[in-house]
Amino acid sequence: MGVPMMIQPKDSERISHLQKTLGMHKKIDVLRAGLDLLEKEALRLHRIQRWKHAVKLISKTSHEVNEDFQLHSLIKLK
């Protein structure tokens, strides 16, 4: 058996309400579902942070490459 948790009465009421609403058999199922959602959100935020970092790393190079293509397209139009 795991480590017992001390749950406040108001939190217990909220969990019970969610348990009935979601049709779950045990309170721990509600807590696990909440933890799953929090883990997914944390992974999403971590992914966004990595994307922002990658964009910062390549933005200058990307801008230079785009300028080169714009020069070539202007030459072709004339």
PDB file of N, CA and C in Angstrom:
ATOM      1  N   MET A   1       0.843  -1.179   0.000  1.00  0.00           N
ATOM      2  CA  MET A   1       0.000   0.000   0.000  1.00  0.00           C
ATOM      3  C   MET A   1       0.886   1.239   0.000  1.00  0.00           C
ATOM      4  N   GLY A   2       0.407   2.292  -0.620  1.00  0.00           N
ATOM      5  CA  GLY A   2       1.174   3.523  -0.746  1.00  0.00           C
ATOM      6  C   GLY A   2       1.147   4.358   0.520  1.00  0.00           C
ATOM      7  N   VAL A   3       1.675   5.532   0.400  1.00  0.00           N
ATOM      8  CA  VAL A   3       1.750   6.474   1.513  1.00  0.00           C
ATOM      9  C   VAL A   3       0.398   7.176   1.647  1.00  0.00           C
ATOM     10  N   PRO A   4      -0.186   7.200   2.862  1.00  0.00           N
ATOM     11  CA  PRO A   4      -1.474   7.881   3.035  1.00  0.00           C
ATOM     12  C   PRO A   4      -1.318   9.397   2.890  1.00  0.00           C
ATOM     13  N   MET A   5      -2.361  10.027   2.348  1.00  0.00           N
ATOM     14  CA  MET A   5      -2.352  11.481   2.168  1.00  0.00           C
ATOM     15  C   MET A   5      -3.357  12.112   3.118  1.00  0.00           C
ATOM     16  N   MET A   6      -3.034  13.298   3.583  1.00  0.00           N
ATOM     17  CA  MET A   6      -3.971  14.051   4.408  1.00  0.00           C
ATOM     18  C   MET A   6      -4.723  15.006   3.486  1.00  0.00           C
ATOM     19  N   ILE A   7      -5.991  14.707   3.248  1.00  0.00           N
ATOM     20  CA  ILE A   7      -6.814  15.520   2.354  1.00  0.00           C
ATOM     21  C   ILE A   7      -7.757  16.364   3.207  1.00  0.00           C
ATOM     22  N   GLN A   8      -7.796  17.650   2.922  1.00  0.00           N
ATOM     23  CA  GLN A   8      -8.664  18.567   3.643  1.00  0.00           C
ATOM     24  C   GLN A   8     -10.126  18.265   3.291  1.00  0.00           C
ATOM     25  N   PRO A   9     -11.061  18.537   4.211  1.00  0.00           N
ATOM     26  CA  PRO A   9     -12.483  18.227   3.968  1.00  0.00           C
ATOM     27  C   PRO A   9     -13.043  18.859   2.689  1.00  0.00           C
ATOM     28  N   LYS A  10     -12.696  20.120   2.423  1.00  0.00           N
ATOM     29  CA  LYS A  10     -13.219  20.769   1.207  1.00  0.00           C
ATOM     30  C   LYS A  10     -12.690  20.080  -0.049  1.00  0.00           C
ATOM     31  N   ASP A  11     -11.410  19.694  -0.011  1.00  0.00           N
ATOM     32  CA  ASP A  11     -10.826  18.991  -1.157  1.00  0.00           C
ATOM     33  C   ASP A  11     -11.474  17.626  -1.329  1.00  0.00           C
ATOM     34  N   SER A  12     -11.772  16.967  -0.219  1.00  0.00           N
ATOM     35  CA  SER A  12     -12.431  15.664  -0.269  1.00  0.00           C
ATOM     36  C   SER A  12     -13.812  15.784  -0.911  1.00  0.00           C
ATOM     37  N   GLU A  13     -14.530  16.857  -0.577  1.00  0.00           N
ATOM     38  CA  GLU A  13     -15.850  17.094  -1.178  1.00  0.00           C
ATOM     39  C   GLU A  13     -15.721  17.316  -2.684  1.00  0.00           C
ATOM     40  N   ARG A  14     -14.735  18.088  -3.084  1.00  0.00           N
ATOM     41  CA  ARG A  14     -14.522  18.344  -4.521  1.00  0.00           C
ATOM     42  C   ARG A  14     -14.199  17.042  -5.256  1.00  0.00           C
ATOM     43  N   ILE A  15     -13.346  16.227  -4.635  1.00  0.00           N
ATOM     44  CA  ILE A  15     -12.973  14.954  -5.249  1.00  0.00           C
ATOM     45  C   ILE A  15     -14.198  14.049  -5.356  1.00  0.00           C
ATOM     46  N   SER A  16     -15.017  14.003  -4.294  1.00  0.00           N
ATOM     47  CA  SER A  16     -16.232  13.179  -4.311  1.00  0.00           C
ATOM     48  C   SER A  16     -17.185  13.636  -5.407  1.00  0.00           C
ATOM     49  N   HIS A  17     -17.324  14.951  -5.547  1.00  0.00           N
ATOM     50  CA  HIS A  17     -18.199  15.493  -6.597  1.00  0.00           C
ATOM     51  C   HIS A  17     -17.689  15.086  -7.986  1.00  0.00           C
ATOM     52  N   LEU A  18     -16.392  15.223  -8.202  1.00  0.00           N
ATOM     53  CA  LEU A  18     -15.816  14.811  -9.485  1.00  0.00           C
ATOM     54  C   LEU A  18     -15.948  13.305  -9.697  1.00  0.00           C
ATOM     55  N   GLN A  19     -15.813  12.554  -8.631  1.00  0.00           N
ATOM     56  CA  GLN A  19     -15.928  11.101  -8.715  1.00  0.00           C
ATOM     57  C   GLN A  19     -17.317  10.717  -9.226  1.00  0.00           C
ATOM     58  N   LYS A  20     -18.344  11.349  -8.687  1.00  0.00           N
ATOM     59  CA  LYS A  20     -19.716  11.070  -9.124  1.00  0.00           C
ATOM     60  C   LYS A  20     -19.940  11.562 -10.545  1.00  0.00           C
ATOM     61  N   THR A  21     -19.453  12.763 -10.843  1.00  0.00           N
ATOM     62  CA  THR A  21     -19.649  13.355 -12.169  1.00  0.00           C
ATOM     63  C   THR A  21     -18.981  12.525 -13.255  1.00  0.00           C
ATOM     64  N   LEU A  22     -17.766  12.055 -12.980  1.00  0.00           N
ATOM     65  CA  LEU A  22     -17.003  11.306 -13.975  1.00  0.00           C
ATOM     66  C   LEU A  22     -17.302   9.814 -13.952  1.00  0.00           C
ATOM     67  N   GLY A  23     -18.065   9.363 -12.971  1.00  0.00           N
ATOM     68  CA  GLY A  23     -18.421   7.952 -12.886  1.00  0.00           C
ATOM     69  C   GLY A  23     -17.253   7.056 -12.508  1.00  0.00           C
ATOM     70  N   MET A  24     -16.359   7.570 -11.700  1.00  0.00           N
ATOM     71  CA  MET A  24     -15.200   6.784 -11.267  1.00  0.00           C
ATOM     72  C   MET A  24     -15.541   6.076  -9.959  1.00  0.00           C
ATOM     73  N   HIS A  25     -14.917   4.919  -9.735  1.00  0.00           N
ATOM     74  CA  HIS A  25     -15.243   4.108  -8.567  1.00  0.00           C
ATOM     75  C   HIS A  25     -14.500   4.543  -7.309  1.00  0.00           C
ATOM     76  N   LYS A  26     -13.289   5.055  -7.467  1.00  0.00           N
ATOM     77  CA  LYS A  26     -12.478   5.413  -6.301  1.00  0.00           C
ATOM     78  C   LYS A  26     -11.972   6.843  -6.423  1.00  0.00           C
ATOM     79  N   LYS A  27     -11.741   7.447  -5.266  1.00  0.00           N
ATOM     80  CA  LYS A  27     -11.209   8.810  -5.250  1.00  0.00           C
ATOM     81  C   LYS A  27      -9.814   8.867  -5.869  1.00  0.00           C
ATOM     82  N   ILE A  28      -9.046   7.814  -5.683  1.00  0.00           N
ATOM     83  CA  ILE A  28      -7.685   7.800  -6.228  1.00  0.00           C
ATOM     84  C   ILE A  28      -7.708   7.873  -7.751  1.00  0.00           C
ATOM     85  N   ASP A  29      -8.775   7.340  -8.371  1.00  0.00           N
ATOM     86  CA  ASP A  29      -8.895   7.424  -9.832  1.00  0.00           C
ATOM     87  C   ASP A  29      -9.034   8.881 -10.280  1.00  0.00           C
ATOM     88  N   VAL A  30      -9.771   9.666  -9.489  1.00  0.00           N
ATOM     89  CA  VAL A  30      -9.926  11.098  -9.790  1.00  0.00           C
ATOM     90  C   VAL A  30      -8.575  11.795  -9.663  1.00  0.00           C
ATOM     91  N   LEU A  31      -7.844  11.487  -8.599  1.00  0.00           N
ATOM     92  CA  LEU A  31      -6.532  12.108  -8.392  1.00  0.00           C
ATOM     93  C   LEU A  31      -5.557  11.722  -9.498  1.00  0.00           C
ATOM     94  N   ARG A  32      -5.576  10.462  -9.902  1.00  0.00           N
ATOM     95  CA  ARG A  32      -4.685  10.021 -10.979  1.00  0.00           C
ATOM     96  C   ARG A  32      -5.026  10.708 -12.299  1.00  0.00           C
ATOM     97  N   ALA A  33      -6.320  10.872 -12.566  1.00  0.00           N
ATOM     98  CA  ALA A  33      -6.728  11.564 -13.793  1.00  0.00           C
ATOM     99  C   ALA A  33      -6.232  13.009 -13.775  1.00  0.00           C
ATOM    100  N   GLY A  34      -6.331  13.654 -12.608  1.00  0.00           N
ATOM    101  CA  GLY A  34      -5.824  15.022 -12.475  1.00  0.00           C
ATOM    102  C   GLY A  34      -4.322  15.091 -12.670  1.00  0.00           C
ATOM    103  N   LEU A  35      -3.608  14.127 -12.108  1.00  0.00           N
ATOM    104  CA  LEU A  35      -2.148  14.086 -12.281  1.00  0.00           C
ATOM    105  C   LEU A  35      -1.775  13.874 -13.744  1.00  0.00           C
ATOM    106  N   ASP A  36      -2.530  13.020 -14.437  1.00  0.00           N
ATOM    107  CA  ASP A  36      -2.264  12.794 -15.864  1.00  0.00           C
ATOM    108  C   ASP A  36      -2.393  14.096 -16.650  1.00  0.00           C
ATOM    109  N   LEU A  37      -3.454  14.858 -16.351  1.00  0.00           N
ATOM    110  CA  LEU A  37      -3.645  16.138 -17.042  1.00  0.00           C
ATOM    111  C   LEU A  37      -2.519  17.115 -16.730  1.00  0.00           C
ATOM    112  N   LEU A  38      -2.091  17.163 -15.481  1.00  0.00           N
ATOM    113  CA  LEU A  38      -0.990  18.056 -15.104  1.00  0.00           C
ATOM    114  C   LEU A  38       0.314  17.656 -15.785  1.00  0.00           C
ATOM    115  N   GLU A  39       0.566  16.354 -15.882  1.00  0.00           N
ATOM    116  CA  GLU A  39       1.781  15.889 -16.561  1.00  0.00           C
ATOM    117  C   GLU A  39       1.759  16.270 -18.038  1.00  0.00           C
ATOM    118  N   LYS A  40       0.607  16.108 -18.682  1.00  0.00           N
ATOM    119  CA  LYS A  40       0.492  16.476 -20.095  1.00  0.00           C
ATOM    120  C   LYS A  40       0.727  17.971 -20.287  1.00  0.00           C
ATOM    121  N   GLU A  41       0.185  18.776 -19.392  1.00  0.00           N
ATOM    122  CA  GLU A  41       0.368  20.229 -19.477  1.00  0.00           C
ATOM    123  C   GLU A  41       1.832  20.599 -19.260  1.00  0.00           C
ATOM    124  N   ALA A  42       2.492  19.937 -18.310  1.00  0.00           N
ATOM    125  CA  ALA A  42       3.911  20.207 -18.055  1.00  0.00           C
ATOM    126  C   ALA A  42       4.755  19.839 -19.273  1.00  0.00           C
ATOM    127  N   LEU A  43       4.455  18.715 -19.911  1.00  0.00           N
ATOM    128  CA  LEU A  43       5.180  18.319 -21.121  1.00  0.00           C
ATOM    129  C   LEU A  43       4.948  19.322 -22.249  1.00  0.00           C
ATOM    130  N   ARG A  44       3.711  19.793 -22.372  1.00  0.00           N
ATOM    131  CA  ARG A  44       3.389  20.777 -23.407  1.00  0.00           C
ATOM    132  C   ARG A  44       4.167  22.069 -23.183  1.00  0.00           C
ATOM    133  N   LEU A  45       4.214  22.536 -21.939  1.00  0.00           N
ATOM    134  CA  LEU A  45       4.957  23.759 -21.636  1.00  0.00           C
ATOM    135  C   LEU A  45       6.452  23.579 -21.887  1.00  0.00           C
ATOM    136  N   HIS A  46       6.973  22.392 -21.579  1.00  0.00           N
ATOM    137  CA  HIS A  46       8.387  22.107 -21.833  1.00  0.00           C
ATOM    138  C   HIS A  46       8.672  22.107 -23.337  1.00  0.00           C
ATOM    139  N   ARG A  47       7.763  21.522 -24.118  1.00  0.00           N
ATOM    140  CA  ARG A  47       7.916  21.512 -25.576  1.00  0.00           C
ATOM    141  C   ARG A  47       7.913  22.930 -26.137  1.00  0.00           C
ATOM    142  N   ILE A  48       7.002  23.756 -25.655  1.00  0.00           N
ATOM    143  CA  ILE A  48       6.931  25.150 -26.110  1.00  0.00           C
ATOM    144  C   ILE A  48       8.218  25.881 -25.765  1.00  0.00           C
ATOM    145  N   GLN A  49       8.750  25.640 -24.581  1.00  0.00           N
ATOM    146  CA  GLN A  49      10.007  26.272 -24.165  1.00  0.00           C
ATOM    147  C   GLN A  49      11.145  25.848 -25.095  1.00  0.00           C
ATOM    148  N   ARG A  50      11.205  24.564 -25.448  1.00  0.00           N
ATOM    149  CA  ARG A  50      12.250  24.079 -26.361  1.00  0.00           C
ATOM    150  C   ARG A  50      12.094  24.708 -27.744  1.00  0.00           C
ATOM    151  N   TRP A  51      10.848  24.832 -28.231  1.00  0.00           N
ATOM    152  CA  TRP A  51      10.617  25.448 -29.543  1.00  0.00           C
ATOM    153  C   TRP A  51      11.069  26.901 -29.544  1.00  0.00           C
ATOM    154  N   LYS A  52      10.740  27.636 -28.483  1.00  0.00           N
ATOM    155  CA  LYS A  52      11.159  29.037 -28.400  1.00  0.00           C
ATOM    156  C   LYS A  52      12.676  29.149 -28.405  1.00  0.00           C
ATOM    157  N   HIS A  53      13.340  28.253 -27.697  1.00  0.00           N
ATOM    158  CA  HIS A  53      14.805  28.254 -27.667  1.00  0.00           C
ATOM    159  C   HIS A  53      15.358  27.963 -29.065  1.00  0.00           C
ATOM    160  N   ALA A  54      14.770  26.993 -29.755  1.00  0.00           N
ATOM    161  CA  ALA A  54      15.226  26.647 -31.104  1.00  0.00           C
ATOM    162  C   ALA A  54      15.021  27.816 -32.061  1.00  0.00           C
ATOM    163  N   VAL A  55      13.909  28.505 -31.932  1.00  0.00           N
ATOM    164  CA  VAL A  55      13.631  29.659 -32.791  1.00  0.00           C
ATOM    165  C   VAL A  55      14.667  30.748 -32.565  1.00  0.00           C
ATOM    166  N   LYS A  56      15.036  30.984 -31.309  1.00  0.00           N
ATOM    167  CA  LYS A  56      16.063  31.989 -31.021  1.00  0.00           C
ATOM    168  C   LYS A  56      17.393  31.614 -31.662  1.00  0.00           C
ATOM    169  N   LEU A  57      17.711  30.319 -31.647  1.00  0.00           N
ATOM    170  CA  LEU A  57      18.991  29.879 -32.195  1.00  0.00           C
ATOM    171  C   LEU A  57      19.064  30.035 -33.712  1.00  0.00           C
ATOM    172  N   ILE A  58      17.953  29.789 -34.400  1.00  0.00           N
ATOM    173  CA  ILE A  58      18.006  29.788 -35.868  1.00  0.00           C
ATOM    174  C   ILE A  58      17.442  31.044 -36.508  1.00  0.00           C
ATOM    175  N   SER A  59      16.872  31.946 -35.726  1.00  0.00           N
ATOM    176  CA  SER A  59      16.190  33.095 -36.329  1.00  0.00           C
ATOM    177  C   SER A  59      17.128  33.982 -37.140  1.00  0.00           C
ATOM    178  N   LYS A  60      18.333  34.242 -36.660  1.00  0.00           N
ATOM    179  CA  LYS A  60      19.261  35.104 -37.391  1.00  0.00           C
ATOM    180  C   LYS A  60      19.652  34.452 -38.713  1.00  0.00           C
ATOM    181  N   THR A  61      20.015  33.185 -38.675  1.00  0.00           N
ATOM    182  CA  THR A  61      20.397  32.465 -39.889  1.00  0.00           C
ATOM    183  C   THR A  61      19.229  32.404 -40.858  1.00  0.00           C
ATOM    184  N   SER A  62      18.046  32.127 -40.333  1.00  0.00           N
ATOM    185  CA  SER A  62      16.856  32.048 -41.170  1.00  0.00           C
ATOM    186  C   SER A  62      16.597  33.385 -41.858  1.00  0.00           C
ATOM    187  N   HIS A  63      16.767  34.478 -41.124  1.00  0.00           N
ATOM    188  CA  HIS A  63      16.560  35.811 -41.691  1.00  0.00           C
ATOM    189  C   HIS A  63      17.560  36.073 -42.824  1.00  0.00           C
ATOM    190  N   GLU A  64      18.822  35.673 -42.625  1.00  0.00           N
ATOM    191  CA  GLU A  64      19.843  35.868 -43.661  1.00  0.00           C
ATOM    192  C   GLU A  64      19.510  35.069 -44.918  1.00  0.00           C
ATOM    193  N   VAL A  65      19.067  33.850 -44.754  1.00  0.00           N
ATOM    194  CA  VAL A  65      18.705  33.013 -45.903  1.00  0.00           C
ATOM    195  C   VAL A  65      17.519  33.618 -46.636  1.00  0.00           C
ATOM    196  N   ASN A  66      16.531  34.090 -45.896  1.00  0.00           N
ATOM    197  CA  ASN A  66      15.367  34.714 -46.529  1.00  0.00           C
ATOM    198  C   ASN A  66      15.769  35.959 -47.316  1.00  0.00           C
ATOM    199  N   GLU A  67      16.703  36.739 -46.795  1.00  0.00           N
ATOM    200  CA  GLU A  67      17.174  37.919 -47.523  1.00  0.00           C
ATOM    201  C   GLU A  67      17.833  37.514 -48.839  1.00  0.00           C
ATOM    202  N   ASP A  68      18.616  36.443 -48.827  1.00  0.00           N
ATOM    203  CA  ASP A  68      19.246  35.954 -50.056  1.00  0.00           C
ATOM    204  C   ASP A  68      18.200  35.581 -51.091  1.00  0.00           C
ATOM    205  N   PHE A  69      17.160  34.897 -50.672  1.00  0.00           N
ATOM    206  CA  PHE A  69      16.114  34.503 -51.614  1.00  0.00           C
ATOM    207  C   PHE A  69      15.378  35.721 -52.155  1.00  0.00           C
ATOM    208  N   GLN A  70      15.171  36.729 -51.319  1.00  0.00           N
ATOM    209  CA  GLN A  70      14.492  37.933 -51.776  1.00  0.00           C
ATOM    210  C   GLN A  70      15.330  38.657 -52.825  1.00  0.00           C
ATOM    211  N   LEU A  71      16.638  38.700 -52.648  1.00  0.00           N
ATOM    212  CA  LEU A  71      17.503  39.340 -53.639  1.00  0.00           C
ATOM    213  C   LEU A  71      17.420  38.615 -54.977  1.00  0.00           C
ATOM    214  N   HIS A  72      17.440  37.296 -54.946  1.00  0.00           N
ATOM    215  CA  HIS A  72      17.367  36.521 -56.181  1.00  0.00           C
ATOM    216  C   HIS A  72      16.024  36.713 -56.881  1.00  0.00           C
ATOM    217  N   SER A  73      14.956  36.791 -56.112  1.00  0.00           N
ATOM    218  CA  SER A  73      13.649  36.962 -56.739  1.00  0.00           C
ATOM    219  C   SER A  73      13.517  38.362 -57.340  1.00  0.00           C
ATOM    220  N   LEU A  74      14.151  39.371 -56.744  1.00  0.00           N
ATOM    221  CA  LEU A  74      14.111  40.717 -57.314  1.00  0.00           C
ATOM    222  C   LEU A  74      14.888  40.773 -58.626  1.00  0.00           C
ATOM    223  N   ILE A  75      15.984  40.060 -58.692  1.00  0.00           N
ATOM    224  CA  ILE A  75      16.783  40.027 -59.923  1.00  0.00           C
ATOM    225  C   ILE A  75      15.983  39.374 -61.038  1.00  0.00           C
ATOM    226  N   LYS A  76      15.268  38.316 -60.737  1.00  0.00           N
ATOM    227  CA  LYS A  76      14.481  37.604 -61.740  1.00  0.00           C
ATOM    228  C   LYS A  76      13.331  38.460 -62.261  1.00  0.00           C
ATOM    229  N   LEU A  77      12.751  39.297 -61.405  1.00  0.00           N
ATOM    230  CA  LEU A  77      11.621  40.117 -61.813  1.00  0.00           C
ATOM    231  C   LEU A  77      12.031  41.221 -62.782  1.00  0.00           C
ATOM    232  N   LYS A  78      13.258  41.696 -62.701  1.00  0.00           N
ATOM    233  CA  LYS A  78      13.691  42.819 -63.535  1.00  0.00           C
ATOM    234  C   LYS A  78      13.987  42.403 -64.911  1.00  0.00           C
TER     235      LYS A  78
END
